[in-house]
Amino acid sequence: AGGSLRESLRLAIRDVIVQALAHVLAALDADYNLSMLRVNATGNGNTGGGDNNNALLSKVWHGLANIPAIFDPKTVARKASIGTVPGHEGLTISVENHGHHGPFMAKSPFSAKIMAILDAPETRARLTSSGGGSMGGVASA
């Protein structure tokens, strides 16, 4: 393919940006997480509530997205495979889904990440050591 150096550089930069954004979107969209930000023409999101529910859900979603333990752009960047591999143009990027019997659509923002943090051995150890074995009156298993 012919063309100018400027055009070749523009296309190469565009490809890198598109690949980087694809990795970021894939990381954010685990379990259809991005669908919680969807608002249809009537102003109602997928919660069935109204504008107040959508605003609250959006605030929670964005707040959690800014916590490095939930979404860490540096980790996404380290795991990203960006560039061209001859013969593999148009590689696909998988979006993580935790459904056991088909696709799972989360009802709470970043629920898989939050559950992984809560189920981690170090979290359990911290909760049991700081609370004297009790988790605020909740019976532990």
N, C-alpha and C. Protein backbone atom coordinates (compact mmCIF):
# COMPACT_ATOMS: atom_id res chain seq x y z
N ALA A 1 0.85 -1.18 0.00
CA ALA A 1 0.00 0.00 0.00
C ALA A 1 0.89 1.23 0.00
N GLY A 2 0.58 2.14 -0.90
CA GLY A 2 1.35 3.37 -1.00
C GLY A 2 0.82 4.43 -0.07
N GLY A 3 1.33 5.60 -0.19
CA GLY A 3 0.87 6.71 0.64
C GLY A 3 2.05 7.44 1.24
N SER A 4 1.72 8.50 1.87
CA SER A 4 2.77 9.31 2.46
C SER A 4 3.17 8.79 3.83
N LEU A 5 4.32 9.23 4.27
CA LEU A 5 4.79 8.87 5.61
C LEU A 5 3.81 9.38 6.65
N ARG A 6 3.30 10.58 6.43
CA ARG A 6 2.35 11.17 7.36
C ARG A 6 1.10 10.28 7.49
N GLU A 7 0.59 9.81 6.37
CA GLU A 7 -0.60 8.94 6.38
C GLU A 7 -0.30 7.61 7.07
N SER A 8 0.86 7.05 6.82
CA SER A 8 1.24 5.79 7.47
C SER A 8 1.34 5.95 8.97
N LEU A 9 1.94 7.05 9.42
CA LEU A 9 2.04 7.32 10.86
C LEU A 9 0.67 7.54 11.48
N ARG A 10 -0.20 8.26 10.78
CA ARG A 10 -1.54 8.50 11.27
C ARG A 10 -2.28 7.18 11.45
N LEU A 11 -2.19 6.29 10.50
CA LEU A 11 -2.85 4.98 10.59
C LEU A 11 -2.26 4.13 11.71
N ALA A 12 -0.94 4.16 11.87
CA ALA A 12 -0.29 3.39 12.93
C ALA A 12 -0.70 3.90 14.31
N ILE A 13 -0.74 5.21 14.47
CA ILE A 13 -1.15 5.79 15.75
C ILE A 13 -2.61 5.46 16.03
N ARG A 14 -3.44 5.57 15.01
CA ARG A 14 -4.85 5.23 15.18
C ARG A 14 -5.02 3.78 15.62
N ASP A 15 -4.27 2.86 15.01
CA ASP A 15 -4.35 1.45 15.38
C ASP A 15 -3.96 1.22 16.83
N VAL A 16 -2.90 1.89 17.28
CA VAL A 16 -2.46 1.74 18.68
C VAL A 16 -3.51 2.29 19.64
N ILE A 17 -4.09 3.43 19.30
CA ILE A 17 -5.12 4.03 20.17
C ILE A 17 -6.35 3.14 20.22
N VAL A 18 -6.77 2.63 19.10
CA VAL A 18 -7.94 1.74 19.06
C VAL A 18 -7.68 0.48 19.88
N GLN A 19 -6.50 -0.10 19.76
CA GLN A 19 -6.17 -1.30 20.53
C GLN A 19 -6.14 -1.00 22.03
N ALA A 20 -5.56 0.14 22.41
CA ALA A 20 -5.49 0.50 23.83
C ALA A 20 -6.89 0.72 24.39
N LEU A 21 -7.73 1.43 23.66
CA LEU A 21 -9.11 1.65 24.11
C LEU A 21 -9.89 0.34 24.20
N ALA A 22 -9.64 -0.57 23.29
CA ALA A 22 -10.30 -1.87 23.34
C ALA A 22 -9.94 -2.63 24.62
N HIS A 23 -8.69 -2.56 25.03
CA HIS A 23 -8.27 -3.22 26.27
C HIS A 23 -8.92 -2.56 27.49
N VAL A 24 -8.99 -1.24 27.50
CA VAL A 24 -9.61 -0.53 28.62
C VAL A 24 -11.10 -0.87 28.69
N LEU A 25 -11.79 -0.82 27.56
CA LEU A 25 -13.22 -1.14 27.54
C LEU A 25 -13.48 -2.59 27.94
N ALA A 26 -12.63 -3.50 27.50
CA ALA A 26 -12.80 -4.90 27.88
C ALA A 26 -12.64 -5.08 29.38
N ALA A 27 -11.68 -4.37 29.97
CA ALA A 27 -11.46 -4.47 31.42
C ALA A 27 -12.63 -3.87 32.19
N LEU A 28 -13.20 -2.79 31.70
CA LEU A 28 -14.32 -2.14 32.37
C LEU A 28 -15.63 -2.89 32.19
N ASP A 29 -15.75 -3.66 31.12
CA ASP A 29 -17.04 -4.25 30.77
C ASP A 29 -17.22 -5.69 31.24
N ALA A 30 -16.39 -6.17 32.16
CA ALA A 30 -16.57 -7.53 32.68
C ALA A 30 -17.99 -7.66 33.22
N ASP A 31 -18.65 -8.75 32.89
CA ASP A 31 -20.03 -9.02 33.33
C ASP A 31 -20.99 -7.92 32.90
N TYR A 32 -20.78 -7.36 31.72
CA TYR A 32 -21.64 -6.29 31.18
C TYR A 32 -21.70 -5.08 32.10
N ASN A 33 -20.60 -4.77 32.74
CA ASN A 33 -20.52 -3.67 33.69
C ASN A 33 -20.86 -2.32 33.06
N LEU A 34 -20.47 -2.11 31.81
CA LEU A 34 -20.74 -0.82 31.16
C LEU A 34 -22.22 -0.61 30.88
N SER A 35 -23.00 -1.68 30.82
CA SER A 35 -24.43 -1.53 30.53
C SER A 35 -25.15 -0.77 31.64
N MET A 36 -24.56 -0.72 32.82
CA MET A 36 -25.19 0.03 33.92
C MET A 36 -25.17 1.53 33.66
N LEU A 37 -24.36 1.98 32.73
CA LEU A 37 -24.30 3.40 32.41
C LEU A 37 -25.23 3.77 31.26
N ARG A 38 -25.90 2.77 30.71
CA ARG A 38 -26.79 2.99 29.56
C ARG A 38 -28.07 3.69 30.02
N VAL A 39 -28.49 4.68 29.28
CA VAL A 39 -29.73 5.39 29.55
C VAL A 39 -30.50 5.42 28.24
N ASN A 40 -31.78 4.99 28.27
CA ASN A 40 -32.56 5.00 27.03
C ASN A 40 -33.25 6.34 26.84
N ALA A 41 -34.04 6.45 25.81
CA ALA A 41 -34.64 7.72 25.43
C ALA A 41 -35.59 8.29 26.49
N THR A 42 -36.17 7.44 27.33
CA THR A 42 -37.11 7.93 28.34
C THR A 42 -36.39 8.43 29.59
N GLY A 43 -35.07 8.26 29.63
CA GLY A 43 -34.31 8.71 30.79
C GLY A 43 -34.12 7.62 31.82
N ASN A 44 -34.67 6.44 31.59
CA ASN A 44 -34.52 5.34 32.54
C ASN A 44 -33.39 4.44 32.10
N GLY A 45 -32.55 4.06 33.03
CA GLY A 45 -31.49 3.10 32.74
C GLY A 45 -32.02 1.70 32.93
N ASN A 46 -31.13 0.73 33.04
CA ASN A 46 -31.56 -0.65 33.18
C ASN A 46 -32.03 -0.98 34.59
N THR A 47 -32.05 -0.02 35.51
CA THR A 47 -32.49 -0.29 36.87
C THR A 47 -33.99 -0.20 37.02
N GLY A 48 -34.68 0.35 36.04
CA GLY A 48 -36.12 0.48 36.12
C GLY A 48 -36.54 1.66 36.99
N GLY A 49 -35.60 2.37 37.56
CA GLY A 49 -35.91 3.51 38.42
C GLY A 49 -36.14 4.75 37.58
N GLY A 50 -35.60 5.82 37.98
CA GLY A 50 -35.72 7.05 37.22
C GLY A 50 -34.39 7.73 37.17
N ASP A 51 -34.44 9.01 36.98
CA ASP A 51 -33.20 9.78 36.89
C ASP A 51 -32.40 9.73 38.18
N ASN A 52 -33.07 9.69 39.34
CA ASN A 52 -32.36 9.62 40.61
C ASN A 52 -31.56 8.33 40.74
N ASN A 53 -32.18 7.20 40.36
CA ASN A 53 -31.47 5.92 40.41
C ASN A 53 -30.30 5.90 39.44
N ASN A 54 -30.52 6.46 38.25
CA ASN A 54 -29.44 6.50 37.25
C ASN A 54 -28.28 7.35 37.73
N ALA A 55 -28.59 8.49 38.34
CA ALA A 55 -27.53 9.38 38.83
C ALA A 55 -26.76 8.70 39.95
N LEU A 56 -27.45 8.03 40.86
CA LEU A 56 -26.79 7.33 41.97
C LEU A 56 -25.93 6.19 41.45
N LEU A 57 -26.49 5.39 40.55
CA LEU A 57 -25.74 4.28 39.97
C LEU A 57 -24.51 4.78 39.23
N SER A 58 -24.65 5.87 38.52
CA SER A 58 -23.52 6.45 37.79
C SER A 58 -22.44 6.93 38.76
N LYS A 59 -22.85 7.56 39.86
CA LYS A 59 -21.87 8.03 40.86
C LYS A 59 -21.14 6.85 41.49
N VAL A 60 -21.88 5.79 41.82
CA VAL A 60 -21.26 4.60 42.41
C VAL A 60 -20.30 3.97 41.41
N TRP A 61 -20.74 3.84 40.17
CA TRP A 61 -19.92 3.23 39.11
C TRP A 61 -18.62 4.01 38.95
N HIS A 62 -18.72 5.32 38.78
CA HIS A 62 -17.53 6.14 38.58
C HIS A 62 -16.65 6.19 39.83
N GLY A 63 -17.26 6.20 41.00
CA GLY A 63 -16.49 6.17 42.24
C GLY A 63 -15.67 4.90 42.36
N LEU A 64 -16.31 3.77 42.07
CA LEU A 64 -15.59 2.49 42.14
C LEU A 64 -14.52 2.39 41.06
N ALA A 65 -14.78 2.93 39.89
CA ALA A 65 -13.81 2.88 38.79
C ALA A 65 -12.54 3.65 39.13
N ASN A 66 -12.63 4.58 40.07
CA ASN A 66 -11.46 5.38 40.46
C ASN A 66 -10.66 4.75 41.60
N ILE A 67 -11.06 3.58 42.06
CA ILE A 67 -10.33 2.87 43.11
C ILE A 67 -9.37 1.88 42.43
N PRO A 68 -8.07 2.02 42.63
CA PRO A 68 -7.11 1.15 41.95
C PRO A 68 -7.32 -0.35 42.20
N ALA A 69 -7.85 -0.73 43.36
CA ALA A 69 -8.10 -2.15 43.62
C ALA A 69 -9.24 -2.68 42.75
N ILE A 70 -10.11 -1.80 42.29
CA ILE A 70 -11.24 -2.20 41.45
C ILE A 70 -10.85 -2.10 39.97
N PHE A 71 -10.31 -0.97 39.57
CA PHE A 71 -9.88 -0.78 38.19
C PHE A 71 -8.56 -0.02 38.19
N ASP A 72 -7.51 -0.71 37.78
CA ASP A 72 -6.18 -0.11 37.76
C ASP A 72 -5.69 0.01 36.32
N PRO A 73 -5.70 1.22 35.77
CA PRO A 73 -5.25 1.40 34.38
C PRO A 73 -3.83 0.89 34.13
N LYS A 74 -2.95 0.98 35.15
CA LYS A 74 -1.58 0.51 34.97
C LYS A 74 -1.55 -1.00 34.77
N THR A 75 -2.39 -1.73 35.49
CA THR A 75 -2.46 -3.18 35.32
C THR A 75 -3.01 -3.52 33.94
N VAL A 76 -4.03 -2.79 33.51
CA VAL A 76 -4.59 -3.00 32.17
C VAL A 76 -3.52 -2.76 31.12
N ALA A 77 -2.74 -1.70 31.29
CA ALA A 77 -1.68 -1.38 30.34
C ALA A 77 -0.60 -2.46 30.30
N ARG A 78 -0.24 -3.00 31.48
CA ARG A 78 0.78 -4.05 31.52
C ARG A 78 0.31 -5.33 30.84
N LYS A 79 -0.98 -5.63 30.98
CA LYS A 79 -1.52 -6.86 30.40
C LYS A 79 -1.88 -6.73 28.92
N ALA A 80 -1.97 -5.49 28.44
CA ALA A 80 -2.40 -5.25 27.07
C ALA A 80 -1.35 -5.68 26.07
N SER A 81 -1.80 -6.28 25.02
CA SER A 81 -0.94 -6.66 23.91
C SER A 81 -1.25 -5.73 22.76
N ILE A 82 -0.38 -4.75 22.55
CA ILE A 82 -0.63 -3.74 21.54
C ILE A 82 0.46 -3.80 20.49
N GLY A 83 0.04 -3.74 19.25
CA GLY A 83 0.98 -3.78 18.13
C GLY A 83 0.40 -4.64 17.04
N THR A 84 1.15 -4.81 16.02
CA THR A 84 0.68 -5.64 14.92
C THR A 84 1.52 -6.89 14.82
N VAL A 85 0.83 -7.98 14.61
CA VAL A 85 1.48 -9.26 14.38
C VAL A 85 1.15 -9.63 12.95
N PRO A 86 2.16 -9.81 12.10
CA PRO A 86 1.87 -10.12 10.70
C PRO A 86 0.93 -11.32 10.56
N GLY A 87 -0.11 -11.12 9.78
CA GLY A 87 -1.08 -12.20 9.55
C GLY A 87 -2.17 -12.27 10.60
N HIS A 88 -2.12 -11.43 11.63
CA HIS A 88 -3.13 -11.46 12.69
C HIS A 88 -3.84 -10.12 12.83
N GLU A 89 -4.06 -9.45 11.74
CA GLU A 89 -4.78 -8.18 11.80
C GLU A 89 -6.21 -8.47 12.24
N GLY A 90 -6.75 -7.61 13.04
CA GLY A 90 -8.12 -7.79 13.50
C GLY A 90 -8.25 -8.78 14.64
N LEU A 91 -7.21 -8.90 15.48
CA LEU A 91 -7.31 -9.79 16.64
C LEU A 91 -8.44 -9.35 17.55
N THR A 92 -9.10 -10.30 18.18
CA THR A 92 -10.18 -9.95 19.09
C THR A 92 -9.68 -9.93 20.53
N ILE A 93 -10.34 -9.17 21.35
CA ILE A 93 -10.01 -9.07 22.77
C ILE A 93 -11.20 -9.60 23.53
N SER A 94 -10.97 -10.56 24.41
CA SER A 94 -12.06 -11.17 25.16
C SER A 94 -12.47 -10.28 26.32
N VAL A 95 -13.78 -10.24 26.55
CA VAL A 95 -14.32 -9.53 27.70
C VAL A 95 -14.69 -10.58 28.74
N GLU A 96 -14.18 -10.39 29.95
CA GLU A 96 -14.37 -11.37 31.02
C GLU A 96 -15.84 -11.43 31.44
N ASN A 97 -16.34 -12.67 31.63
CA ASN A 97 -17.69 -12.87 32.14
C ASN A 97 -17.65 -14.02 33.11
N HIS A 98 -18.27 -13.83 34.28
CA HIS A 98 -18.20 -14.81 35.36
C HIS A 98 -19.42 -15.72 35.43
N GLY A 99 -20.24 -15.74 34.39
CA GLY A 99 -21.43 -16.60 34.38
C GLY A 99 -21.04 -18.06 34.30
N HIS A 100 -21.67 -18.88 35.13
CA HIS A 100 -21.38 -20.31 35.13
C HIS A 100 -22.25 -21.06 34.13
N HIS A 101 -23.45 -20.56 33.86
CA HIS A 101 -24.39 -21.24 32.98
C HIS A 101 -24.83 -20.34 31.84
N GLY A 102 -23.93 -19.53 31.35
CA GLY A 102 -24.23 -18.57 30.30
C GLY A 102 -23.75 -17.20 30.72
N PRO A 103 -23.95 -16.21 29.86
CA PRO A 103 -23.49 -14.86 30.19
C PRO A 103 -24.15 -14.32 31.45
N PHE A 104 -23.36 -13.68 32.28
CA PHE A 104 -23.84 -13.09 33.52
C PHE A 104 -23.87 -11.57 33.36
N MET A 105 -24.99 -10.95 33.74
CA MET A 105 -25.10 -9.50 33.70
C MET A 105 -25.19 -8.98 35.13
N ALA A 106 -24.14 -8.30 35.56
CA ALA A 106 -24.06 -7.81 36.93
C ALA A 106 -25.15 -6.78 37.21
N LYS A 107 -25.63 -6.79 38.44
CA LYS A 107 -26.63 -5.82 38.89
C LYS A 107 -25.99 -4.71 39.72
N SER A 108 -24.75 -4.92 40.12
CA SER A 108 -24.03 -3.95 40.93
C SER A 108 -22.69 -3.65 40.25
N PRO A 109 -22.27 -2.40 40.22
CA PRO A 109 -21.02 -2.05 39.54
C PRO A 109 -19.82 -2.80 40.10
N PHE A 110 -19.05 -3.40 39.21
CA PHE A 110 -17.80 -4.07 39.56
C PHE A 110 -17.99 -5.16 40.61
N SER A 111 -19.12 -5.83 40.60
CA SER A 111 -19.42 -6.82 41.64
C SER A 111 -18.42 -7.97 41.66
N ALA A 112 -17.93 -8.40 40.51
CA ALA A 112 -16.96 -9.51 40.49
C ALA A 112 -15.66 -9.09 41.18
N LYS A 113 -15.21 -7.87 40.95
CA LYS A 113 -13.99 -7.39 41.60
C LYS A 113 -14.19 -7.25 43.11
N ILE A 114 -15.35 -6.72 43.50
CA ILE A 114 -15.63 -6.54 44.93
C ILE A 114 -15.70 -7.91 45.61
N MET A 115 -16.36 -8.88 44.99
CA MET A 115 -16.44 -10.22 45.58
C MET A 115 -15.07 -10.87 45.67
N ALA A 116 -14.24 -10.67 44.67
CA ALA A 116 -12.87 -11.23 44.71
C ALA A 116 -12.07 -10.63 45.86
N ILE A 117 -12.24 -9.33 46.08
CA ILE A 117 -11.54 -8.67 47.19
C ILE A 117 -12.06 -9.20 48.53
N LEU A 118 -13.38 -9.32 48.66
CA LEU A 118 -13.96 -9.80 49.91
C LEU A 118 -13.62 -11.27 50.19
N ASP A 119 -13.49 -12.07 49.13
CA ASP A 119 -13.18 -13.49 49.29
C ASP A 119 -11.69 -13.77 49.44
N ALA A 120 -10.85 -12.78 49.23
CA ALA A 120 -9.40 -12.98 49.31
C ALA A 120 -8.99 -13.35 50.74
N PRO A 121 -8.07 -14.29 50.88
CA PRO A 121 -7.62 -14.71 52.21
C PRO A 121 -7.09 -13.56 53.06
N GLU A 122 -6.39 -12.61 52.43
CA GLU A 122 -5.84 -11.50 53.22
C GLU A 122 -6.95 -10.59 53.76
N THR A 123 -8.05 -10.45 53.01
CA THR A 123 -9.18 -9.66 53.50
C THR A 123 -9.84 -10.36 54.68
N ARG A 124 -10.05 -11.66 54.55
CA ARG A 124 -10.65 -12.43 55.65
C ARG A 124 -9.78 -12.37 56.89
N ALA A 125 -8.46 -12.48 56.70
CA ALA A 125 -7.55 -12.43 57.84
C ALA A 125 -7.61 -11.06 58.51
N ARG A 126 -7.66 -10.00 57.70
CA ARG A 126 -7.73 -8.66 58.25
C ARG A 126 -9.03 -8.43 59.01
N LEU A 127 -10.13 -8.94 58.48
CA LEU A 127 -11.43 -8.77 59.14
C LEU A 127 -11.49 -9.53 60.46
N THR A 128 -10.96 -10.75 60.47
CA THR A 128 -11.02 -11.54 61.70
C THR A 128 -10.03 -11.05 62.75
N SER A 129 -8.87 -10.54 62.32
CA SER A 129 -7.89 -10.07 63.30
C SER A 129 -8.27 -8.71 63.89
N SER A 130 -8.86 -7.84 63.09
CA SER A 130 -9.20 -6.52 63.60
C SER A 130 -10.51 -6.51 64.39
N GLY A 131 -11.36 -7.48 64.14
CA GLY A 131 -12.65 -7.50 64.83
C GLY A 131 -12.72 -8.53 65.92
N GLY A 132 -11.61 -9.11 66.30
CA GLY A 132 -11.62 -10.13 67.36
C GLY A 132 -12.38 -11.37 66.96
N GLY A 133 -12.40 -11.68 65.66
CA GLY A 133 -13.08 -12.89 65.20
C GLY A 133 -14.52 -12.65 64.81
N SER A 134 -15.06 -11.51 65.12
CA SER A 134 -16.44 -11.20 64.79
C SER A 134 -16.48 -10.18 63.66
N MET A 135 -17.48 -10.30 62.82
CA MET A 135 -17.61 -9.36 61.72
C MET A 135 -18.84 -8.49 61.99
N GLY A 136 -18.79 -7.72 63.04
CA GLY A 136 -19.84 -6.76 63.32
C GLY A 136 -21.18 -7.39 63.66
N GLY A 137 -21.17 -8.50 64.38
CA GLY A 137 -22.42 -9.14 64.76
C GLY A 137 -22.93 -10.12 63.74
N VAL A 138 -22.27 -10.25 62.60
CA VAL A 138 -22.69 -11.21 61.59
C VAL A 138 -22.04 -12.53 61.90
N ALA A 139 -22.82 -13.59 61.88
CA ALA A 139 -22.27 -14.90 62.14
C ALA A 139 -21.30 -15.28 61.04
N SER A 140 -20.12 -15.74 61.42
CA SER A 140 -19.13 -16.13 60.42
C SER A 140 -19.19 -17.63 60.21
N ALA A 141 -18.81 -18.05 59.00
CA ALA A 141 -18.88 -19.47 58.65
C ALA A 141 -17.65 -20.21 59.12
